[in-house]
């Protein structure tokens, strides 16, 4: 799951170096979740290491992805049930 989450973020966030920002520029909805969470934890948990904050933001973004996946699965299942 961790590898999937890391690749999701790599695809959804432009690197900090390329974007000229501290945490990167979001390229998609899960990238937005990731960057917002990094900004939030910087304010709320200044004692966290960069790696701790990164892992936390990856987990939050992955949870958002899984929630969306579950919702789409439920929608597809309901459509399938209605068609039967």
C-alpha atoms as a PDB file:
ATOM      1  CA  UNK A   1       0.000   0.000   0.000  1.00  0.00           C
ATOM      2  CA  UNK A   2       2.850   2.359   0.808  1.00  0.00           C
ATOM      3  CA  UNK A   3       4.361   1.968  -2.662  1.00  0.00           C
ATOM      4  CA  UNK A   4       1.015   2.611  -4.312  1.00  0.00           C
ATOM      5  CA  UNK A   5       0.518   5.710  -2.164  1.00  0.00           C
ATOM      6  CA  UNK A   6       3.992   7.055  -2.981  1.00  0.00           C
ATOM      7  CA  UNK A   7       3.436   6.565  -6.712  1.00  0.00           C
ATOM      8  CA  UNK A   8       0.028   8.239  -6.425  1.00  0.00           C
ATOM      9  CA  UNK A   9       1.652  11.292  -4.843  1.00  0.00           C
ATOM     10  CA  UNK A  10       4.536  11.275  -7.327  1.00  0.00           C
ATOM     11  CA  UNK A  11       1.968  11.436 -10.139  1.00  0.00           C
ATOM     12  CA  UNK A  12      -0.167  14.085  -8.434  1.00  0.00           C
ATOM     13  CA  UNK A  13       2.493  16.556  -7.194  1.00  0.00           C
ATOM     14  CA  UNK A  14       5.112  18.418  -9.187  1.00  0.00           C
ATOM     15  CA  UNK A  15       8.410  18.398  -7.308  1.00  0.00           C
ATOM     16  CA  UNK A  16       9.283  21.277  -5.010  1.00  0.00           C
ATOM     17  CA  UNK A  17      12.380  22.026  -7.096  1.00  0.00           C
ATOM     18  CA  UNK A  18      10.463  22.266 -10.378  1.00  0.00           C
ATOM     19  CA  UNK A  19       7.576  24.237  -8.906  1.00  0.00           C
ATOM     20  CA  UNK A  20       9.687  26.568  -6.770  1.00  0.00           C
ATOM     21  CA  UNK A  21       7.466  25.909  -3.754  1.00  0.00           C
ATOM     22  CA  UNK A  22       8.168  24.281  -0.418  1.00  0.00           C
ATOM     23  CA  UNK A  23       6.043  21.147  -0.894  1.00  0.00           C
ATOM     24  CA  UNK A  24       5.451  21.039  -4.644  1.00  0.00           C
ATOM     25  CA  UNK A  25       2.566  22.065  -6.867  1.00  0.00           C
ATOM     26  CA  UNK A  26      -0.558  19.878  -6.907  1.00  0.00           C
ATOM     27  CA  UNK A  27      -1.361  18.342 -10.278  1.00  0.00           C
ATOM     28  CA  UNK A  28      -4.551  16.592  -9.219  1.00  0.00           C
ATOM     29  CA  UNK A  29      -7.042  16.198  -6.390  1.00  0.00           C
ATOM     30  CA  UNK A  30      -4.861  13.896  -4.287  1.00  0.00           C
ATOM     31  CA  UNK A  31      -1.918  16.206  -4.828  1.00  0.00           C
ATOM     32  CA  UNK A  32      -4.043  19.000  -3.383  1.00  0.00           C
ATOM     33  CA  UNK A  33      -4.823  16.867  -0.333  1.00  0.00           C
ATOM     34  CA  UNK A  34      -1.115  16.097   0.072  1.00  0.00           C
ATOM     35  CA  UNK A  35       0.070  19.715  -0.189  1.00  0.00           C
ATOM     36  CA  UNK A  36      -2.693  21.019   2.109  1.00  0.00           C
ATOM     37  CA  UNK A  37      -1.780  18.407   4.708  1.00  0.00           C
ATOM     38  CA  UNK A  38       1.935  19.291   4.498  1.00  0.00           C
ATOM     39  CA  UNK A  39       1.082  22.970   5.021  1.00  0.00           C
ATOM     40  CA  UNK A  40      -1.209  22.085   7.928  1.00  0.00           C
ATOM     41  CA  UNK A  41       1.300  19.877   9.725  1.00  0.00           C
ATOM     42  CA  UNK A  42       4.023  22.502   9.303  1.00  0.00           C
ATOM     43  CA  UNK A  43       1.881  24.861  11.381  1.00  0.00           C
ATOM     44  CA  UNK A  44       0.428  22.385  13.879  1.00  0.00           C
ATOM     45  CA  UNK A  45       3.432  20.064  14.327  1.00  0.00           C
ATOM     46  CA  UNK A  46       6.603  22.138  13.843  1.00  0.00           C
ATOM     47  CA  UNK A  47       8.500  19.515  15.871  1.00  0.00           C
ATOM     48  CA  UNK A  48       7.905  16.794  13.235  1.00  0.00           C
ATOM     49  CA  UNK A  49      10.726  15.879  10.872  1.00  0.00           C
ATOM     50  CA  UNK A  50      10.205  16.425   7.148  1.00  0.00           C
ATOM     51  CA  UNK A  51       9.953  12.665   6.641  1.00  0.00           C
ATOM     52  CA  UNK A  52       7.345  12.329   9.413  1.00  0.00           C
ATOM     53  CA  UNK A  53       5.247  15.103   7.836  1.00  0.00           C
ATOM     54  CA  UNK A  54       5.665  13.546   4.360  1.00  0.00           C
ATOM     55  CA  UNK A  55       4.521  10.094   5.492  1.00  0.00           C
ATOM     56  CA  UNK A  56       1.545  11.641   7.309  1.00  0.00           C
ATOM     57  CA  UNK A  57       0.514  13.584   4.190  1.00  0.00           C
ATOM     58  CA  UNK A  58       0.903  10.478   2.010  1.00  0.00           C
ATOM     59  CA  UNK A  59      -1.372   8.542   4.383  1.00  0.00           C
ATOM     60  CA  UNK A  60      -4.021  11.283   4.349  1.00  0.00           C
ATOM     61  CA  UNK A  61      -3.943  11.482   0.533  1.00  0.00           C
ATOM     62  CA  UNK A  62      -4.180   7.689   0.229  1.00  0.00           C
ATOM     63  CA  UNK A  63      -7.179   7.662   2.573  1.00  0.00           C
ATOM     64  CA  UNK A  64      -8.862  10.254   0.331  1.00  0.00           C
ATOM     65  CA  UNK A  65      -8.140   8.038  -2.694  1.00  0.00           C
ATOM     66  CA  UNK A  66      -9.526   4.937  -0.965  1.00  0.00           C
ATOM     67  CA  UNK A  67     -12.655   6.831   0.090  1.00  0.00           C
ATOM     68  CA  UNK A  68     -13.250   7.941  -3.521  1.00  0.00           C
ATOM     69  CA  UNK A  69     -12.581   4.412  -4.775  1.00  0.00           C
ATOM     70  CA  UNK A  70     -15.085   2.969  -2.307  1.00  0.00           C
ATOM     71  CA  UNK A  71     -17.719   5.567  -3.277  1.00  0.00           C
ATOM     72  CA  UNK A  72     -17.283   4.785  -6.982  1.00  0.00           C
ATOM     73  CA  UNK A  73     -17.468   1.055  -6.275  1.00  0.00           C
ATOM     74  CA  UNK A  74     -20.734   1.570  -4.364  1.00  0.00           C
ATOM     75  CA  UNK A  75     -22.117   3.705  -7.205  1.00  0.00           C
ATOM     76  CA  UNK A  76     -21.174   1.082  -9.801  1.00  0.00           C
ATOM     77  CA  UNK A  77     -22.648  -1.686  -7.671  1.00  0.00           C
ATOM     78  CA  UNK A  78     -25.921   0.232  -7.304  1.00  0.00           C
ATOM     79  CA  UNK A  79     -26.077   0.772 -11.073  1.00  0.00           C
ATOM     80  CA  UNK A  80     -25.462  -2.918 -11.648  1.00  0.00           C
ATOM     81  CA  UNK A  81     -28.204  -3.864  -9.179  1.00  0.00           C
ATOM     82  CA  UNK A  82     -30.640  -1.471 -10.854  1.00  0.00           C
ATOM     83  CA  UNK A  83     -29.889  -2.959 -14.271  1.00  0.00           C
ATOM     84  CA  UNK A  84     -30.678  -6.504 -13.130  1.00  0.00           C
END
